[in-house]
Amino acid sequence: MSRFVLIVGVVLVLFLTGLIPTLQAQQYPDHPIQLVLPTTPGAGVDILGRLVGEEMGKILKTQIVPINKPGASFTTGTDAVVRSRKDGYTLLYSPSTAMIYARIPNPDVVPYDPVKDLEPIGLHVWNPMILVVKEDSPWKTFSEFVTMPRKTRGK
């Protein structure tokens, strides 16, 4: 009799656990993603961010909603992302100014630590800068340009 009760108990447990739906992770994304652009509408970062957002939306099969939050050398929008929920539905498209250059002169003013508070996804645009001078200028190389003020200090 006890063997019969044990078998019935095991079958009953297996039957009841089979009725419980299995837990599955939700698909990402299951609602629109906010893409924070810490600049004014129409600026270079805004235009590139919107183009990247459109392509991301096609790949992820969801709507990417661009949101402009300009101010304070890109730190206003960046801080808004840092303070948002860490659920992957608020992304930041920002130049390195908000990560590096804004903190150098005023580390106490920038309210976040980009190394601890943000996770980089990748580098999208490399924007090299060039320096040009008039053809008849005294400088022909960058080295000459840099050393000239040192040589003529006080003049």
N, C-alpha and C. Protein backbone atom coordinates (compact mmCIF):
# COMPACT_ATOMS: atom_id res chain seq x y z
N MET A 1 0.82 -1.19 0.00
CA MET A 1 0.00 0.00 0.00
C MET A 1 0.86 1.25 0.00
N SER A 2 1.93 1.24 0.78
CA SER A 2 2.77 2.42 0.84
C SER A 2 3.48 2.66 -0.50
N ARG A 3 3.80 1.59 -1.23
CA ARG A 3 4.41 1.74 -2.54
C ARG A 3 3.41 2.40 -3.50
N PHE A 4 2.16 2.00 -3.42
CA PHE A 4 1.11 2.58 -4.25
C PHE A 4 0.93 4.07 -3.94
N VAL A 5 0.93 4.44 -2.69
CA VAL A 5 0.79 5.85 -2.26
C VAL A 5 1.97 6.66 -2.77
N LEU A 6 3.18 6.09 -2.70
CA LEU A 6 4.38 6.76 -3.17
C LEU A 6 4.31 7.01 -4.68
N ILE A 7 3.89 6.02 -5.43
CA ILE A 7 3.78 6.16 -6.89
C ILE A 7 2.72 7.19 -7.24
N VAL A 8 1.56 7.13 -6.58
CA VAL A 8 0.50 8.11 -6.82
C VAL A 8 0.98 9.50 -6.46
N GLY A 9 1.72 9.63 -5.36
CA GLY A 9 2.26 10.93 -4.94
C GLY A 9 3.22 11.49 -5.97
N VAL A 10 4.11 10.65 -6.49
CA VAL A 10 5.08 11.10 -7.50
C VAL A 10 4.35 11.51 -8.77
N VAL A 11 3.40 10.71 -9.23
CA VAL A 11 2.63 11.04 -10.43
C VAL A 11 1.85 12.34 -10.23
N LEU A 12 1.26 12.51 -9.05
CA LEU A 12 0.50 13.72 -8.75
C LEU A 12 1.41 14.95 -8.77
N VAL A 13 2.60 14.83 -8.17
CA VAL A 13 3.55 15.96 -8.16
C VAL A 13 3.98 16.28 -9.59
N LEU A 14 4.30 15.26 -10.36
CA LEU A 14 4.70 15.49 -11.75
C LEU A 14 3.57 16.12 -12.56
N PHE A 15 2.36 15.67 -12.34
CA PHE A 15 1.20 16.21 -13.05
C PHE A 15 0.98 17.67 -12.68
N LEU A 16 1.03 17.99 -11.38
CA LEU A 16 0.78 19.36 -10.93
C LEU A 16 1.88 20.31 -11.39
N THR A 17 3.13 19.86 -11.37
CA THR A 17 4.21 20.74 -11.83
C THR A 17 4.14 20.94 -13.34
N GLY A 18 3.58 20.01 -14.03
CA GLY A 18 3.40 20.16 -15.48
C GLY A 18 2.34 21.18 -15.81
N LEU A 19 1.42 21.44 -14.89
CA LEU A 19 0.38 22.43 -15.12
C LEU A 19 0.87 23.86 -14.87
N ILE A 20 1.93 23.98 -14.09
CA ILE A 20 2.46 25.32 -13.80
C ILE A 20 3.21 25.80 -15.05
N PRO A 21 2.83 26.95 -15.56
CA PRO A 21 3.53 27.44 -16.75
C PRO A 21 4.99 27.74 -16.43
N THR A 22 5.84 27.43 -17.36
CA THR A 22 7.26 27.70 -17.15
C THR A 22 7.53 29.18 -17.28
N LEU A 23 8.44 29.67 -16.48
CA LEU A 23 8.80 31.09 -16.53
C LEU A 23 9.77 31.31 -17.68
N GLN A 24 9.51 32.32 -18.43
CA GLN A 24 10.39 32.65 -19.54
C GLN A 24 10.76 34.12 -19.44
N ALA A 25 11.98 34.41 -19.85
CA ALA A 25 12.40 35.81 -19.88
C ALA A 25 11.62 36.54 -20.96
N GLN A 26 11.30 37.79 -20.67
CA GLN A 26 10.59 38.59 -21.67
C GLN A 26 11.53 38.91 -22.81
N GLN A 27 10.97 39.04 -23.97
CA GLN A 27 11.75 39.41 -25.14
C GLN A 27 12.19 40.86 -25.00
N TYR A 28 13.43 41.15 -25.40
CA TYR A 28 13.90 42.52 -25.41
C TYR A 28 13.98 42.96 -26.85
N PRO A 29 13.50 44.07 -27.17
CA PRO A 29 12.68 45.00 -26.40
C PRO A 29 11.20 44.68 -26.56
N ASP A 30 10.45 44.95 -25.52
CA ASP A 30 9.02 44.74 -25.61
C ASP A 30 8.24 46.05 -25.59
N HIS A 31 8.94 47.17 -25.55
CA HIS A 31 8.31 48.48 -25.71
C HIS A 31 9.36 49.47 -26.27
N PRO A 32 8.96 50.66 -26.67
CA PRO A 32 9.90 51.60 -27.29
C PRO A 32 11.09 51.93 -26.38
N ILE A 33 12.20 52.23 -27.03
CA ILE A 33 13.45 52.59 -26.36
C ILE A 33 13.66 54.09 -26.50
N GLN A 34 14.03 54.75 -25.41
CA GLN A 34 14.35 56.18 -25.45
C GLN A 34 15.83 56.34 -25.78
N LEU A 35 16.11 57.20 -26.75
CA LEU A 35 17.48 57.52 -27.11
C LEU A 35 17.71 58.98 -26.76
N VAL A 36 18.44 59.20 -25.67
CA VAL A 36 18.68 60.56 -25.21
C VAL A 36 19.83 61.17 -26.01
N LEU A 37 19.56 62.32 -26.58
CA LEU A 37 20.54 63.08 -27.35
C LEU A 37 20.81 64.36 -26.56
N PRO A 38 21.98 64.47 -25.92
CA PRO A 38 22.21 65.59 -25.01
C PRO A 38 22.62 66.88 -25.74
N THR A 39 21.91 67.20 -26.78
CA THR A 39 22.21 68.37 -27.59
C THR A 39 20.92 68.96 -28.15
N THR A 40 21.04 70.09 -28.79
CA THR A 40 19.87 70.74 -29.37
C THR A 40 19.46 70.05 -30.67
N PRO A 41 18.20 70.12 -31.02
CA PRO A 41 17.76 69.53 -32.30
C PRO A 41 18.47 70.20 -33.48
N GLY A 42 18.92 69.39 -34.41
CA GLY A 42 19.58 69.89 -35.60
C GLY A 42 21.09 69.92 -35.51
N ALA A 43 21.66 69.74 -34.33
CA ALA A 43 23.11 69.71 -34.19
C ALA A 43 23.65 68.40 -34.76
N GLY A 44 24.95 68.35 -34.96
CA GLY A 44 25.57 67.16 -35.55
C GLY A 44 25.29 65.89 -34.78
N VAL A 45 25.42 65.94 -33.46
CA VAL A 45 25.16 64.77 -32.62
C VAL A 45 23.70 64.35 -32.74
N ASP A 46 22.81 65.32 -32.82
CA ASP A 46 21.37 65.03 -32.95
C ASP A 46 21.08 64.31 -34.27
N ILE A 47 21.63 64.83 -35.34
CA ILE A 47 21.38 64.23 -36.66
C ILE A 47 21.92 62.81 -36.72
N LEU A 48 23.17 62.63 -36.30
CA LEU A 48 23.75 61.28 -36.31
C LEU A 48 23.01 60.33 -35.38
N GLY A 49 22.63 60.82 -34.21
CA GLY A 49 21.90 59.99 -33.26
C GLY A 49 20.56 59.53 -33.80
N ARG A 50 19.86 60.41 -34.48
CA ARG A 50 18.57 60.04 -35.07
C ARG A 50 18.75 59.01 -36.18
N LEU A 51 19.80 59.16 -36.98
CA LEU A 51 20.06 58.18 -38.04
C LEU A 51 20.40 56.82 -37.44
N VAL A 52 21.23 56.81 -36.42
CA VAL A 52 21.57 55.55 -35.74
C VAL A 52 20.32 54.96 -35.10
N GLY A 53 19.49 55.80 -34.48
CA GLY A 53 18.26 55.34 -33.86
C GLY A 53 17.32 54.67 -34.85
N GLU A 54 17.20 55.25 -36.04
CA GLU A 54 16.35 54.64 -37.07
C GLU A 54 16.84 53.24 -37.43
N GLU A 55 18.14 53.11 -37.62
CA GLU A 55 18.69 51.80 -37.99
C GLU A 55 18.57 50.80 -36.84
N MET A 56 18.79 51.27 -35.60
CA MET A 56 18.61 50.39 -34.45
C MET A 56 17.18 49.90 -34.36
N GLY A 57 16.22 50.80 -34.63
CA GLY A 57 14.82 50.44 -34.59
C GLY A 57 14.49 49.34 -35.59
N LYS A 58 15.09 49.42 -36.78
CA LYS A 58 14.87 48.38 -37.80
C LYS A 58 15.45 47.05 -37.34
N ILE A 59 16.63 47.09 -36.75
CA ILE A 59 17.29 45.86 -36.31
C ILE A 59 16.55 45.23 -35.13
N LEU A 60 16.18 46.07 -34.16
CA LEU A 60 15.52 45.57 -32.95
C LEU A 60 14.02 45.39 -33.11
N LYS A 61 13.48 45.86 -34.23
CA LYS A 61 12.04 45.77 -34.52
C LYS A 61 11.21 46.44 -33.43
N THR A 62 11.64 47.63 -33.07
CA THR A 62 10.90 48.44 -32.10
C THR A 62 11.13 49.91 -32.41
N GLN A 63 10.35 50.76 -31.80
CA GLN A 63 10.48 52.19 -32.02
C GLN A 63 11.58 52.75 -31.12
N ILE A 64 12.46 53.55 -31.71
CA ILE A 64 13.47 54.27 -30.95
C ILE A 64 13.01 55.73 -30.91
N VAL A 65 12.79 56.25 -29.71
CA VAL A 65 12.26 57.60 -29.54
C VAL A 65 13.40 58.54 -29.16
N PRO A 66 13.80 59.43 -30.09
CA PRO A 66 14.86 60.39 -29.74
C PRO A 66 14.33 61.49 -28.83
N ILE A 67 15.09 61.79 -27.78
CA ILE A 67 14.72 62.82 -26.81
C ILE A 67 15.92 63.74 -26.63
N ASN A 68 15.74 65.02 -26.96
CA ASN A 68 16.81 66.00 -26.79
C ASN A 68 16.80 66.56 -25.38
N LYS A 69 17.97 66.53 -24.72
CA LYS A 69 18.16 67.12 -23.39
C LYS A 69 19.48 67.89 -23.41
N PRO A 70 19.46 69.08 -24.01
CA PRO A 70 20.71 69.84 -24.13
C PRO A 70 21.08 70.56 -22.83
N GLY A 71 22.35 70.94 -22.76
CA GLY A 71 22.79 71.80 -21.67
C GLY A 71 24.05 71.32 -20.98
N ALA A 72 24.81 72.29 -20.48
CA ALA A 72 25.98 72.05 -19.63
C ALA A 72 27.01 71.12 -20.28
N SER A 73 27.38 71.41 -21.51
CA SER A 73 28.39 70.61 -22.23
C SER A 73 28.01 69.13 -22.28
N PHE A 74 26.77 68.87 -22.63
CA PHE A 74 26.23 67.51 -22.80
C PHE A 74 25.99 66.77 -21.49
N THR A 75 26.28 67.39 -20.34
CA THR A 75 26.14 66.67 -19.08
C THR A 75 24.70 66.60 -18.57
N THR A 76 23.83 67.51 -18.99
CA THR A 76 22.43 67.47 -18.55
C THR A 76 21.75 66.20 -19.04
N GLY A 77 21.86 65.92 -20.32
CA GLY A 77 21.26 64.71 -20.88
C GLY A 77 21.93 63.45 -20.38
N THR A 78 23.26 63.50 -20.24
CA THR A 78 23.99 62.33 -19.74
C THR A 78 23.58 62.01 -18.31
N ASP A 79 23.44 63.03 -17.49
CA ASP A 79 23.01 62.82 -16.11
C ASP A 79 21.60 62.24 -16.05
N ALA A 80 20.74 62.66 -16.97
CA ALA A 80 19.38 62.11 -17.01
C ALA A 80 19.42 60.60 -17.29
N VAL A 81 20.32 60.18 -18.16
CA VAL A 81 20.45 58.75 -18.46
C VAL A 81 21.02 58.00 -17.24
N VAL A 82 22.00 58.60 -16.60
CA VAL A 82 22.60 57.97 -15.41
C VAL A 82 21.54 57.76 -14.32
N ARG A 83 20.62 58.70 -14.18
CA ARG A 83 19.58 58.62 -13.14
C ARG A 83 18.39 57.76 -13.56
N SER A 84 18.33 57.35 -14.82
CA SER A 84 17.19 56.55 -15.29
C SER A 84 17.31 55.10 -14.82
N ARG A 85 16.23 54.35 -15.00
CA ARG A 85 16.24 52.93 -14.64
C ARG A 85 17.26 52.20 -15.49
N LYS A 86 17.92 51.25 -14.89
CA LYS A 86 18.95 50.46 -15.59
C LYS A 86 18.31 49.23 -16.23
N ASP A 87 17.40 49.47 -17.18
CA ASP A 87 16.66 48.37 -17.79
C ASP A 87 16.93 48.21 -19.28
N GLY A 88 17.83 49.02 -19.83
CA GLY A 88 18.14 48.92 -21.25
C GLY A 88 17.18 49.66 -22.15
N TYR A 89 16.25 50.40 -21.59
CA TYR A 89 15.28 51.13 -22.40
C TYR A 89 15.56 52.63 -22.45
N THR A 90 16.66 53.06 -21.86
CA THR A 90 17.10 54.44 -21.98
C THR A 90 18.57 54.41 -22.39
N LEU A 91 18.83 54.83 -23.61
CA LEU A 91 20.18 54.83 -24.14
C LEU A 91 20.66 56.26 -24.34
N LEU A 92 21.97 56.44 -24.39
CA LEU A 92 22.57 57.75 -24.58
C LEU A 92 23.40 57.73 -25.84
N TYR A 93 23.22 58.76 -26.67
CA TYR A 93 24.08 58.94 -27.84
C TYR A 93 24.78 60.27 -27.64
N SER A 94 26.05 60.22 -27.25
CA SER A 94 26.75 61.42 -26.83
C SER A 94 28.19 61.43 -27.33
N PRO A 95 28.72 62.63 -27.54
CA PRO A 95 30.15 62.72 -27.84
C PRO A 95 30.96 62.53 -26.56
N SER A 96 32.25 62.41 -26.72
CA SER A 96 33.12 62.17 -25.56
C SER A 96 33.18 63.36 -24.61
N THR A 97 32.66 64.50 -25.00
CA THR A 97 32.67 65.67 -24.13
C THR A 97 32.02 65.36 -22.79
N ALA A 98 30.89 64.69 -22.81
CA ALA A 98 30.16 64.38 -21.57
C ALA A 98 30.89 63.35 -20.72
N MET A 99 31.73 62.53 -21.34
CA MET A 99 32.42 61.47 -20.62
C MET A 99 33.78 61.93 -20.09
N ILE A 100 34.49 62.74 -20.88
CA ILE A 100 35.87 63.07 -20.55
C ILE A 100 36.06 64.56 -20.27
N TYR A 101 35.80 65.37 -21.28
CA TYR A 101 36.21 66.77 -21.23
C TYR A 101 35.43 67.62 -20.23
N ALA A 102 34.20 67.31 -19.97
CA ALA A 102 33.43 68.10 -19.01
C ALA A 102 33.93 67.89 -17.59
N ARG A 103 34.45 66.71 -17.30
CA ARG A 103 34.93 66.39 -15.95
C ARG A 103 36.31 66.96 -15.66
N ILE A 104 37.13 67.16 -16.66
CA ILE A 104 38.51 67.59 -16.43
C ILE A 104 38.58 68.94 -15.72
N PRO A 105 37.95 69.98 -16.24
CA PRO A 105 38.06 71.27 -15.54
C PRO A 105 37.18 71.39 -14.30
N ASN A 106 36.09 70.64 -14.25
CA ASN A 106 35.13 70.76 -13.14
C ASN A 106 34.67 69.39 -12.63
N PRO A 107 35.55 68.60 -12.03
CA PRO A 107 35.11 67.26 -11.59
C PRO A 107 34.03 67.29 -10.52
N ASP A 108 33.97 68.35 -9.74
CA ASP A 108 32.96 68.43 -8.68
C ASP A 108 31.58 68.83 -9.21
N VAL A 109 31.55 69.44 -10.39
CA VAL A 109 30.29 69.93 -10.96
C VAL A 109 29.55 68.83 -11.70
N VAL A 110 30.29 67.94 -12.35
CA VAL A 110 29.66 66.85 -13.12
C VAL A 110 29.16 65.80 -12.12
N PRO A 111 27.85 65.57 -12.07
CA PRO A 111 27.25 64.74 -11.00
C PRO A 111 27.36 63.24 -11.19
N TYR A 112 28.10 62.77 -12.14
CA TYR A 112 28.19 61.33 -12.39
C TYR A 112 29.64 60.95 -12.68
N ASP A 113 29.93 59.68 -12.54
CA ASP A 113 31.23 59.13 -12.89
C ASP A 113 31.01 58.24 -14.11
N PRO A 114 31.46 58.65 -15.28
CA PRO A 114 31.17 57.87 -16.48
C PRO A 114 31.72 56.44 -16.44
N VAL A 115 32.81 56.23 -15.75
CA VAL A 115 33.38 54.88 -15.67
C VAL A 115 32.48 53.96 -14.85
N LYS A 116 31.93 54.46 -13.75
CA LYS A 116 31.10 53.64 -12.87
C LYS A 116 29.63 53.64 -13.26
N ASP A 117 29.14 54.76 -13.80
CA ASP A 117 27.70 54.92 -14.01
C ASP A 117 27.21 54.57 -15.41
N LEU A 118 28.10 54.45 -16.38
CA LEU A 118 27.69 54.19 -17.76
C LEU A 118 28.44 52.99 -18.32
N GLU A 119 27.80 52.30 -19.23
CA GLU A 119 28.41 51.16 -19.90
C GLU A 119 28.45 51.46 -21.40
N PRO A 120 29.64 51.62 -21.96
CA PRO A 120 29.70 51.94 -23.39
C PRO A 120 29.28 50.76 -24.26
N ILE A 121 28.56 51.07 -25.31
CA ILE A 121 28.15 50.04 -26.27
C ILE A 121 29.14 49.99 -27.42
N GLY A 122 29.57 51.15 -27.88
CA GLY A 122 30.54 51.16 -28.95
C GLY A 122 30.83 52.55 -29.46
N LEU A 123 31.83 52.62 -30.32
CA LEU A 123 32.22 53.86 -30.95
C LEU A 123 31.56 53.92 -32.31
N HIS A 124 30.88 55.02 -32.57
CA HIS A 124 30.15 55.13 -33.82
C HIS A 124 30.83 56.04 -34.82
N VAL A 125 31.27 57.20 -34.37
CA VAL A 125 31.84 58.19 -35.28
C VAL A 125 33.21 58.59 -34.78
N TRP A 126 34.17 58.61 -35.66
CA TRP A 126 35.49 59.13 -35.36
C TRP A 126 35.60 60.42 -36.13
N ASN A 127 35.74 61.52 -35.42
CA ASN A 127 35.72 62.83 -36.04
C ASN A 127 37.09 63.49 -35.90
N PRO A 128 38.01 63.21 -36.82
CA PRO A 128 39.34 63.82 -36.71
C PRO A 128 39.27 65.32 -36.98
N MET A 129 40.11 66.05 -36.30
CA MET A 129 40.18 67.50 -36.48
C MET A 129 41.45 67.84 -37.23
N ILE A 130 41.39 68.93 -37.99
CA ILE A 130 42.58 69.37 -38.71
C ILE A 130 42.83 70.84 -38.39
N LEU A 131 44.07 71.23 -38.52
CA LEU A 131 44.48 72.61 -38.31
C LEU A 131 45.03 73.11 -39.63
N VAL A 132 44.52 74.22 -40.09
CA VAL A 132 45.01 74.80 -41.34
C VAL A 132 45.48 76.22 -41.09
N VAL A 133 46.45 76.63 -41.87
CA VAL A 133 46.96 78.00 -41.80
C VAL A 133 47.08 78.54 -43.22
N LYS A 134 47.21 79.84 -43.32
CA LYS A 134 47.38 80.45 -44.63
C LYS A 134 48.69 79.97 -45.25
N GLU A 135 48.73 79.92 -46.56
CA GLU A 135 49.90 79.40 -47.26
C GLU A 135 51.16 80.21 -46.95
N ASP A 136 51.03 81.51 -46.77
CA ASP A 136 52.20 82.36 -46.52
C ASP A 136 52.52 82.50 -45.02
N SER A 137 51.95 81.66 -44.18
CA SER A 137 52.21 81.74 -42.74
C SER A 137 53.64 81.25 -42.44
N PRO A 138 54.16 81.60 -41.26
CA PRO A 138 55.52 81.16 -40.93
C PRO A 138 55.60 79.68 -40.56
N TRP A 139 54.46 79.01 -40.41
CA TRP A 139 54.46 77.60 -40.01
C TRP A 139 54.20 76.70 -41.21
N LYS A 140 54.98 75.68 -41.32
CA LYS A 140 54.77 74.69 -42.39
C LYS A 140 54.44 73.31 -41.82
N THR A 141 54.74 73.11 -40.53
CA THR A 141 54.43 71.84 -39.87
C THR A 141 53.74 72.13 -38.53
N PHE A 142 53.11 71.12 -37.98
CA PHE A 142 52.46 71.27 -36.68
C PHE A 142 53.49 71.54 -35.60
N SER A 143 54.62 70.91 -35.69
CA SER A 143 55.68 71.12 -34.71
C SER A 143 56.13 72.58 -34.70
N GLU A 144 56.28 73.19 -35.87
CA GLU A 144 56.64 74.61 -35.95
C GLU A 144 55.56 75.48 -35.33
N PHE A 145 54.32 75.12 -35.54
CA PHE A 145 53.20 75.88 -34.98
C PHE A 145 53.22 75.84 -33.46
N VAL A 146 53.51 74.68 -32.88
CA VAL A 146 53.50 74.52 -31.43
C VAL A 146 54.70 75.21 -30.78
N THR A 147 55.86 75.13 -31.42
CA THR A 147 57.07 75.69 -30.79
C THR A 147 57.21 77.20 -30.99
N MET A 148 56.55 77.79 -31.95
CA MET A 148 56.68 79.23 -32.22
C MET A 148 56.33 80.09 -31.01
N PRO A 149 55.21 79.86 -30.32
CA PRO A 149 54.92 80.70 -29.15
C PRO A 149 55.98 80.59 -28.05
N ARG A 150 56.58 79.43 -27.91
CA ARG A 150 57.62 79.27 -26.89
C ARG A 150 58.86 80.08 -27.25
N LYS A 151 59.20 80.12 -28.53
CA LYS A 151 60.38 80.86 -28.99
C LYS A 151 60.15 82.37 -28.92
N THR A 152 58.91 82.80 -29.12
CA THR A 152 58.62 84.23 -29.17
C THR A 152 57.92 84.73 -27.91
N ARG A 153 58.10 84.03 -26.81
CA ARG A 153 57.44 84.38 -25.55
C ARG A 153 57.86 85.80 -25.12
N GLY A 154 56.90 86.61 -24.80
CA GLY A 154 57.17 87.97 -24.34
C GLY A 154 57.25 88.99 -25.45
N LYS A 155 57.14 88.59 -26.69
CA LYS A 155 57.19 89.55 -27.82
C LYS A 155 55.80 89.92 -28.27
